[in-house]
Amino acid sequence: MTLTKENKVIERKLRKVGNSLAVTIPMEVLQQIGLKEGDTLEFDTQGEKVTMKKKQEVITESFMELVKGICDKNDEALKELVDK
């Protein structure tokens, strides 16, 4: 999802949170890269430049739903295999 075709510089200050430092991510950026609370971020550092992106899940929720559907549909056959 792209909100703008032009590059934009947005500044944020680091804040102390406990023993760590934290930075808030503007809603515009969250929407642009499809982030929501609970998502995992990856940081790629190259010298003084850092690229942040949403970590892609290896097993997605839709895949797990598909597997559950297959297991539910074939429950009897799977139980018979366990008994053999």
PDB file of N, CA and C in Angstrom:
ATOM      1  N   MET A   1       0.850  -1.167   0.000  1.00  0.00           N
ATOM      2  CA  MET A   1       0.000   0.000   0.000  1.00  0.00           C
ATOM      3  C   MET A   1       0.899   1.234   0.000  1.00  0.00           C
ATOM      4  N   THR A   2       0.752   2.099  -0.952  1.00  0.00           N
ATOM      5  CA  THR A   2       1.587   3.281  -1.061  1.00  0.00           C
ATOM      6  C   THR A   2       0.744   4.534  -0.878  1.00  0.00           C
ATOM      7  N   LEU A   3       1.132   5.365   0.064  1.00  0.00           N
ATOM      8  CA  LEU A   3       0.407   6.606   0.303  1.00  0.00           C
ATOM      9  C   LEU A   3       0.948   7.747  -0.544  1.00  0.00           C
ATOM     10  N   THR A   4       2.236   7.682  -0.853  1.00  0.00           N
ATOM     11  CA  THR A   4       2.860   8.760  -1.604  1.00  0.00           C
ATOM     12  C   THR A   4       3.955   8.204  -2.492  1.00  0.00           C
ATOM     13  N   LYS A   5       4.186   8.851  -3.612  1.00  0.00           N
ATOM     14  CA  LYS A   5       5.233   8.406  -4.523  1.00  0.00           C
ATOM     15  C   LYS A   5       6.543   9.122  -4.246  1.00  0.00           C
ATOM     16  N   GLU A   6       6.498  10.156  -3.434  1.00  0.00           N
ATOM     17  CA  GLU A   6       7.707  10.910  -3.141  1.00  0.00           C
ATOM     18  C   GLU A   6       8.294  10.474  -1.807  1.00  0.00           C
ATOM     19  N   ASN A   7       9.617  10.578  -1.696  1.00  0.00           N
ATOM     20  CA  ASN A   7      10.267  10.275  -0.426  1.00  0.00           C
ATOM     21  C   ASN A   7       9.940  11.371   0.570  1.00  0.00           C
ATOM     22  N   LYS A   8       9.810  10.992   1.817  1.00  0.00           N
ATOM     23  CA  LYS A   8       9.448  11.947   2.851  1.00  0.00           C
ATOM     24  C   LYS A   8      10.359  11.723   4.049  1.00  0.00           C
ATOM     25  N   VAL A   9      10.856  12.787   4.625  1.00  0.00           N
ATOM     26  CA  VAL A   9      11.670  12.690   5.831  1.00  0.00           C
ATOM     27  C   VAL A   9      10.792  13.083   7.010  1.00  0.00           C
ATOM     28  N   ILE A  10      10.702  12.188   7.982  1.00  0.00           N
ATOM     29  CA  ILE A  10       9.908  12.431   9.184  1.00  0.00           C
ATOM     30  C   ILE A  10      10.848  12.286  10.371  1.00  0.00           C
ATOM     31  N   GLU A  11      10.839  13.245  11.267  1.00  0.00           N
ATOM     32  CA  GLU A  11      11.717  13.196  12.437  1.00  0.00           C
ATOM     33  C   GLU A  11      10.948  12.749  13.668  1.00  0.00           C
ATOM     34  N   ARG A  12      11.622  11.975  14.512  1.00  0.00           N
ATOM     35  CA  ARG A  12      11.083  11.555  15.798  1.00  0.00           C
ATOM     36  C   ARG A  12      12.223  11.584  16.808  1.00  0.00           C
ATOM     37  N   LYS A  13      11.921  11.889  18.064  1.00  0.00           N
ATOM     38  CA  LYS A  13      12.928  11.885  19.125  1.00  0.00           C
ATOM     39  C   LYS A  13      12.913  10.539  19.840  1.00  0.00           C
ATOM     40  N   LEU A  14      14.098  10.103  20.260  1.00  0.00           N
ATOM     41  CA  LEU A  14      14.207   8.908  21.083  1.00  0.00           C
ATOM     42  C   LEU A  14      13.755   9.255  22.497  1.00  0.00           C
ATOM     43  N   ARG A  15      13.020   8.362  23.107  1.00  0.00           N
ATOM     44  CA  ARG A  15      12.523   8.554  24.468  1.00  0.00           C
ATOM     45  C   ARG A  15      12.992   7.383  25.327  1.00  0.00           C
ATOM     46  N   LYS A  16      13.270   7.665  26.585  1.00  0.00           N
ATOM     47  CA  LYS A  16      13.674   6.615  27.509  1.00  0.00           C
ATOM     48  C   LYS A  16      12.427   5.884  28.000  1.00  0.00           C
ATOM     49  N   VAL A  17      12.456   4.563  27.899  1.00  0.00           N
ATOM     50  CA  VAL A  17      11.377   3.707  28.391  1.00  0.00           C
ATOM     51  C   VAL A  17      12.050   2.613  29.211  1.00  0.00           C
ATOM     52  N   GLY A  18      11.985   2.735  30.529  1.00  0.00           N
ATOM     53  CA  GLY A  18      12.702   1.797  31.383  1.00  0.00           C
ATOM     54  C   GLY A  18      14.199   1.953  31.158  1.00  0.00           C
ATOM     55  N   ASN A  19      14.876   0.832  30.860  1.00  0.00           N
ATOM     56  CA  ASN A  19      16.308   0.862  30.583  1.00  0.00           C
ATOM     57  C   ASN A  19      16.599   0.934  29.092  1.00  0.00           C
ATOM     58  N   SER A  20      15.585   1.142  28.283  1.00  0.00           N
ATOM     59  CA  SER A  20      15.743   1.159  26.825  1.00  0.00           C
ATOM     60  C   SER A  20      15.397   2.532  26.266  1.00  0.00           C
ATOM     61  N   LEU A  21      15.656   2.683  24.973  1.00  0.00           N
ATOM     62  CA  LEU A  21      15.215   3.862  24.238  1.00  0.00           C
ATOM     63  C   LEU A  21      14.161   3.423  23.245  1.00  0.00           C
ATOM     64  N   ALA A  22      13.158   4.269  23.023  1.00  0.00           N
ATOM     65  CA  ALA A  22      12.066   3.924  22.112  1.00  0.00           C
ATOM     66  C   ALA A  22      11.783   5.099  21.188  1.00  0.00           C
ATOM     67  N   VAL A  23      11.217   4.787  20.043  1.00  0.00           N
ATOM     68  CA  VAL A  23      10.794   5.802  19.088  1.00  0.00           C
ATOM     69  C   VAL A  23       9.380   5.441  18.635  1.00  0.00           C
ATOM     70  N   THR A  24       8.528   6.437  18.499  1.00  0.00           N
ATOM     71  CA  THR A  24       7.181   6.168  17.998  1.00  0.00           C
ATOM     72  C   THR A  24       7.212   6.177  16.476  1.00  0.00           C
ATOM     73  N   ILE A  25       6.305   5.417  15.883  1.00  0.00           N
ATOM     74  CA  ILE A  25       6.209   5.347  14.426  1.00  0.00           C
ATOM     75  C   ILE A  25       4.917   6.052  14.024  1.00  0.00           C
ATOM     76  N   PRO A  26       5.017   7.074  13.171  1.00  0.00           N
ATOM     77  CA  PRO A  26       3.817   7.810  12.767  1.00  0.00           C
ATOM     78  C   PRO A  26       2.786   6.905  12.092  1.00  0.00           C
ATOM     79  N   MET A  27       1.512   7.194  12.315  1.00  0.00           N
ATOM     80  CA  MET A  27       0.424   6.404  11.740  1.00  0.00           C
ATOM     81  C   MET A  27       0.552   6.302  10.223  1.00  0.00           C
ATOM     82  N   GLU A  28       0.970   7.384   9.574  1.00  0.00           N
ATOM     83  CA  GLU A  28       1.144   7.392   8.121  1.00  0.00           C
ATOM     84  C   GLU A  28       2.133   6.309   7.678  1.00  0.00           C
ATOM     85  N   VAL A  29       3.216   6.152   8.441  1.00  0.00           N
ATOM     86  CA  VAL A  29       4.225   5.136   8.114  1.00  0.00           C
ATOM     87  C   VAL A  29       3.667   3.745   8.384  1.00  0.00           C
ATOM     88  N   LEU A  30       2.980   3.581   9.506  1.00  0.00           N
ATOM     89  CA  LEU A  30       2.378   2.285   9.837  1.00  0.00           C
ATOM     90  C   LEU A  30       1.445   1.826   8.726  1.00  0.00           C
ATOM     91  N   GLN A  31       0.616   2.744   8.244  1.00  0.00           N
ATOM     92  CA  GLN A  31      -0.331   2.410   7.183  1.00  0.00           C
ATOM     93  C   GLN A  31       0.385   2.112   5.874  1.00  0.00           C
ATOM     94  N   GLN A  32       1.426   2.878   5.579  1.00  0.00           N
ATOM     95  CA  GLN A  32       2.128   2.716   4.305  1.00  0.00           C
ATOM     96  C   GLN A  32       2.782   1.344   4.189  1.00  0.00           C
ATOM     97  N   ILE A  33       3.323   0.838   5.303  1.00  0.00           N
ATOM     98  CA  ILE A  33       3.984  -0.469   5.216  1.00  0.00           C
ATOM     99  C   ILE A  33       3.151  -1.591   5.830  1.00  0.00           C
ATOM    100  N   GLY A  34       1.914  -1.289   6.190  1.00  0.00           N
ATOM    101  CA  GLY A  34       0.985  -2.323   6.644  1.00  0.00           C
ATOM    102  C   GLY A  34       1.299  -2.897   8.009  1.00  0.00           C
ATOM    103  N   LEU A  35       1.751  -2.059   8.939  1.00  0.00           N
ATOM    104  CA  LEU A  35       2.074  -2.526  10.287  1.00  0.00           C
ATOM    105  C   LEU A  35       0.902  -2.325  11.232  1.00  0.00           C
ATOM    106  N   LYS A  36       0.803  -3.245  12.190  1.00  0.00           N
ATOM    107  CA  LYS A  36      -0.192  -3.095  13.251  1.00  0.00           C
ATOM    108  C   LYS A  36       0.440  -3.562  14.556  1.00  0.00           C
ATOM    109  N   GLU A  37      -0.189  -3.242  15.658  1.00  0.00           N
ATOM    110  CA  GLU A  37       0.335  -3.621  16.967  1.00  0.00           C
ATOM    111  C   GLU A  37       0.572  -5.130  17.020  1.00  0.00           C
ATOM    112  N   GLY A  38       1.715  -5.524  17.542  1.00  0.00           N
ATOM    113  CA  GLY A  38       2.053  -6.938  17.663  1.00  0.00           C
ATOM    114  C   GLY A  38       2.906  -7.463  16.528  1.00  0.00           C
ATOM    115  N   ASP A  39       2.997  -6.726  15.409  1.00  0.00           N
ATOM    116  CA  ASP A  39       3.847  -7.150  14.295  1.00  0.00           C
ATOM    117  C   ASP A  39       5.312  -7.084  14.709  1.00  0.00           C
ATOM    118  N   THR A  40       6.138  -7.871  14.044  1.00  0.00           N
ATOM    119  CA  THR A  40       7.577  -7.872  14.283  1.00  0.00           C
ATOM    120  C   THR A  40       8.267  -7.103  13.173  1.00  0.00           C
ATOM    121  N   LEU A  41       9.231  -6.277  13.560  1.00  0.00           N
ATOM    122  CA  LEU A  41       9.992  -5.487  12.599  1.00  0.00           C
ATOM    123  C   LEU A  41      11.384  -6.067  12.419  1.00  0.00           C
ATOM    124  N   GLU A  42      11.925  -5.916  11.214  1.00  0.00           N
ATOM    125  CA  GLU A  42      13.316  -6.258  10.938  1.00  0.00           C
ATOM    126  C   GLU A  42      14.057  -4.967  10.633  1.00  0.00           C
ATOM    127  N   PHE A  43      15.262  -4.825  11.173  1.00  0.00           N
ATOM    128  CA  PHE A  43      16.100  -3.670  10.906  1.00  0.00           C
ATOM    129  C   PHE A  43      17.336  -4.140  10.159  1.00  0.00           C
ATOM    130  N   ASP A  44      17.602  -3.541   9.007  1.00  0.00           N
ATOM    131  CA  ASP A  44      18.786  -3.833   8.200  1.00  0.00           C
ATOM    132  C   ASP A  44      19.701  -2.618   8.309  1.00  0.00           C
ATOM    133  N   THR A  45      20.863  -2.805   8.924  1.00  0.00           N
ATOM    134  CA  THR A  45      21.776  -1.682   9.123  1.00  0.00           C
ATOM    135  C   THR A  45      22.914  -1.740   8.120  1.00  0.00           C
ATOM    136  N   GLN A  46      23.189  -0.607   7.515  1.00  0.00           N
ATOM    137  CA  GLN A  46      24.302  -0.451   6.574  1.00  0.00           C
ATOM    138  C   GLN A  46      24.976   0.868   6.903  1.00  0.00           C
ATOM    139  N   GLY A  47      26.056   0.792   7.683  1.00  0.00           N
ATOM    140  CA  GLY A  47      26.713   2.020   8.130  1.00  0.00           C
ATOM    141  C   GLY A  47      25.770   2.809   9.014  1.00  0.00           C
ATOM    142  N   GLU A  48      25.550   4.075   8.678  1.00  0.00           N
ATOM    143  CA  GLU A  48      24.648   4.923   9.458  1.00  0.00           C
ATOM    144  C   GLU A  48      23.208   4.856   8.963  1.00  0.00           C
ATOM    145  N   LYS A  49      22.957   4.062   7.935  1.00  0.00           N
ATOM    146  CA  LYS A  49      21.614   3.945   7.368  1.00  0.00           C
ATOM    147  C   LYS A  49      20.931   2.689   7.913  1.00  0.00           C
ATOM    148  N   VAL A  50      19.676   2.836   8.301  1.00  0.00           N
ATOM    149  CA  VAL A  50      18.889   1.708   8.810  1.00  0.00           C
ATOM    150  C   VAL A  50      17.600   1.619   8.003  1.00  0.00           C
ATOM    151  N   THR A  51      17.311   0.422   7.500  1.00  0.00           N
ATOM    152  CA  THR A  51      16.058   0.178   6.800  1.00  0.00           C
ATOM    153  C   THR A  51      15.189  -0.696   7.692  1.00  0.00           C
ATOM    154  N   MET A  52      13.935  -0.297   7.859  1.00  0.00           N
ATOM    155  CA  MET A  52      12.994  -1.027   8.698  1.00  0.00           C
ATOM    156  C   MET A  52      11.915  -1.613   7.801  1.00  0.00           C
ATOM    157  N   LYS A  53      11.560  -2.888   8.045  1.00  0.00           N
ATOM    158  CA  LYS A  53      10.460  -3.481   7.291  1.00  0.00           C
ATOM    159  C   LYS A  53       9.722  -4.479   8.168  1.00  0.00           C
ATOM    160  N   LYS A  54       8.492  -4.749   7.784  1.00  0.00           N
ATOM    161  CA  LYS A  54       7.674  -5.727   8.492  1.00  0.00           C
ATOM    162  C   LYS A  54       8.232  -7.113   8.209  1.00  0.00           C
ATOM    163  N   LYS A  55       8.419  -7.896   9.269  1.00  0.00           N
ATOM    164  CA  LYS A  55       8.903  -9.261   9.095  1.00  0.00           C
ATOM    165  C   LYS A  55       7.768 -10.113   8.548  1.00  0.00           C
ATOM    166  N   GLN A  56       8.057 -10.828   7.493  1.00  0.00           N
ATOM    167  CA  GLN A  56       7.057 -11.705   6.895  1.00  0.00           C
ATOM    168  C   GLN A  56       6.966 -12.993   7.710  1.00  0.00           C
ATOM    169  N   GLU A  57       5.770 -13.368   8.048  1.00  0.00           N
ATOM    170  CA  GLU A  57       5.563 -14.599   8.807  1.00  0.00           C
ATOM    171  C   GLU A  57       5.814 -15.790   7.905  1.00  0.00           C
ATOM    172  N   VAL A  58       6.510 -16.788   8.444  1.00  0.00           N
ATOM    173  CA  VAL A  58       6.765 -18.004   7.678  1.00  0.00           C
ATOM    174  C   VAL A  58       5.462 -18.773   7.510  1.00  0.00           C
ATOM    175  N   ILE A  59       4.702 -18.867   8.575  1.00  0.00           N
ATOM    176  CA  ILE A  59       3.398 -19.535   8.526  1.00  0.00           C
ATOM    177  C   ILE A  59       2.342 -18.474   8.804  1.00  0.00           C
ATOM    178  N   THR A  60       1.536 -18.195   7.809  1.00  0.00           N
ATOM    179  CA  THR A  60       0.527 -17.153   7.954  1.00  0.00           C
ATOM    180  C   THR A  60      -0.738 -17.704   8.612  1.00  0.00           C
ATOM    181  N   GLU A  61      -1.557 -16.799   9.086  1.00  0.00           N
ATOM    182  CA  GLU A  61      -2.824 -17.182   9.714  1.00  0.00           C
ATOM    183  C   GLU A  61      -3.727 -17.905   8.714  1.00  0.00           C
ATOM    184  N   SER A  62      -3.742 -17.447   7.462  1.00  0.00           N
ATOM    185  CA  SER A  62      -4.596 -18.087   6.454  1.00  0.00           C
ATOM    186  C   SER A  62      -4.118 -19.505   6.149  1.00  0.00           C
ATOM    187  N   PHE A  63      -2.794 -19.727   6.192  1.00  0.00           N
ATOM    188  CA  PHE A  63      -2.262 -21.070   5.980  1.00  0.00           C
ATOM    189  C   PHE A  63      -2.699 -21.991   7.119  1.00  0.00           C
ATOM    190  N   MET A  64      -2.633 -21.498   8.353  1.00  0.00           N
ATOM    191  CA  MET A  64      -3.045 -22.305   9.498  1.00  0.00           C
ATOM    192  C   MET A  64      -4.533 -22.642   9.428  1.00  0.00           C
ATOM    193  N   GLU A  65      -5.344 -21.708   8.953  1.00  0.00           N
ATOM    194  CA  GLU A  65      -6.776 -21.972   8.785  1.00  0.00           C
ATOM    195  C   GLU A  65      -6.993 -23.056   7.733  1.00  0.00           C
ATOM    196  N   LEU A  66      -6.211 -23.017   6.661  1.00  0.00           N
ATOM    197  CA  LEU A  66      -6.290 -24.027   5.611  1.00  0.00           C
ATOM    198  C   LEU A  66      -5.925 -25.404   6.163  1.00  0.00           C
ATOM    199  N   VAL A  67      -4.840 -25.481   6.925  1.00  0.00           N
ATOM    200  CA  VAL A  67      -4.409 -26.748   7.524  1.00  0.00           C
ATOM    201  C   VAL A  67      -5.482 -27.273   8.472  1.00  0.00           C
ATOM    202  N   LYS A  68      -6.050 -26.399   9.299  1.00  0.00           N
ATOM    203  CA  LYS A  68      -7.107 -26.824  10.229  1.00  0.00           C
ATOM    204  C   LYS A  68      -8.303 -27.374   9.462  1.00  0.00           C
ATOM    205  N   GLY A  69      -8.678 -26.715   8.369  1.00  0.00           N
ATOM    206  CA  GLY A  69      -9.798 -27.185   7.557  1.00  0.00           C
ATOM    207  C   GLY A  69      -9.542 -28.565   6.976  1.00  0.00           C
ATOM    208  N   ILE A  70      -8.322 -28.799   6.500  1.00  0.00           N
ATOM    209  CA  ILE A  70      -7.958 -30.106   5.940  1.00  0.00           C
ATOM    210  C   ILE A  70      -7.983 -31.166   7.030  1.00  0.00           C
ATOM    211  N   CYS A  71      -7.443 -30.825   8.207  1.00  0.00           N
ATOM    212  CA  CYS A  71      -7.440 -31.783   9.319  1.00  0.00           C
ATOM    213  C   CYS A  71      -8.865 -32.113   9.768  1.00  0.00           C
ATOM    214  N   ASP A  72      -9.712 -31.089   9.862  1.00  0.00           N
ATOM    215  CA  ASP A  72     -11.105 -31.317  10.261  1.00  0.00           C
ATOM    216  C   ASP A  72     -11.827 -32.196   9.238  1.00  0.00           C
ATOM    217  N   LYS A  73     -11.596 -31.925   7.963  1.00  0.00           N
ATOM    218  CA  LYS A  73     -12.260 -32.669   6.889  1.00  0.00           C
ATOM    219  C   LYS A  73     -11.826 -34.130   6.869  1.00  0.00           C
ATOM    220  N   ASN A  74     -10.562 -34.381   7.198  1.00  0.00           N
ATOM    221  CA  ASN A  74     -10.009 -35.736   7.117  1.00  0.00           C
ATOM    222  C   ASN A  74      -9.748 -36.336   8.489  1.00  0.00           C
ATOM    223  N   ASP A  75     -10.494 -35.901   9.489  1.00  0.00           N
ATOM    224  CA  ASP A  75     -10.275 -36.317  10.870  1.00  0.00           C
ATOM    225  C   ASP A  75     -10.312 -37.836  11.042  1.00  0.00           C
ATOM    226  N   GLU A  76     -11.322 -38.483  10.501  1.00  0.00           N
ATOM    227  CA  GLU A  76     -11.451 -39.943  10.655  1.00  0.00           C
ATOM    228  C   GLU A  76     -10.269 -40.678  10.030  1.00  0.00           C
ATOM    229  N   ALA A  77      -9.888 -40.290   8.820  1.00  0.00           N
ATOM    230  CA  ALA A  77      -8.766 -40.945   8.138  1.00  0.00           C
ATOM    231  C   ALA A  77      -7.470 -40.744   8.917  1.00  0.00           C
ATOM    232  N   LEU A  78      -7.264 -39.569   9.458  1.00  0.00           N
ATOM    233  CA  LEU A  78      -6.053 -39.302  10.235  1.00  0.00           C
ATOM    234  C   LEU A  78      -6.030 -40.127  11.520  1.00  0.00           C
ATOM    235  N   LYS A  79      -7.190 -40.282  12.175  1.00  0.00           N
ATOM    236  CA  LYS A  79      -7.262 -41.104  13.385  1.00  0.00           C
ATOM    237  C   LYS A  79      -6.956 -42.564  13.072  1.00  0.00           C
ATOM    238  N   GLU A  80      -7.424 -43.051  11.919  1.00  0.00           N
ATOM    239  CA  GLU A  80      -7.136 -44.429  11.516  1.00  0.00           C
ATOM    240  C   GLU A  80      -5.645 -44.627  11.276  1.00  0.00           C
ATOM    241  N   LEU A  81      -4.994 -43.645  10.707  1.00  0.00           N
ATOM    242  CA  LEU A  81      -3.548 -43.739  10.482  1.00  0.00           C
ATOM    243  C   LEU A  81      -2.784 -43.807  11.795  1.00  0.00           C
ATOM    244  N   VAL A  82      -3.239 -43.068  12.798  1.00  0.00           N
ATOM    245  CA  VAL A  82      -2.584 -43.082  14.102  1.00  0.00           C
ATOM    246  C   VAL A  82      -2.716 -44.458  14.737  1.00  0.00           C
ATOM    247  N   ASP A  83      -3.873 -45.102  14.568  1.00  0.00           N
ATOM    248  CA  ASP A  83      -4.134 -46.402  15.178  1.00  0.00           C
ATOM    249  C   ASP A  83      -3.354 -47.530  14.525  1.00  0.00           C
ATOM    250  N   LYS A  84      -2.823 -47.337  13.324  1.00  0.00           N
ATOM    251  CA  LYS A  84      -2.099 -48.415  12.626  1.00  0.00           C
ATOM    252  C   LYS A  84      -0.684 -48.541  13.087  1.00  0.00           C
TER     253      LYS A  84
END
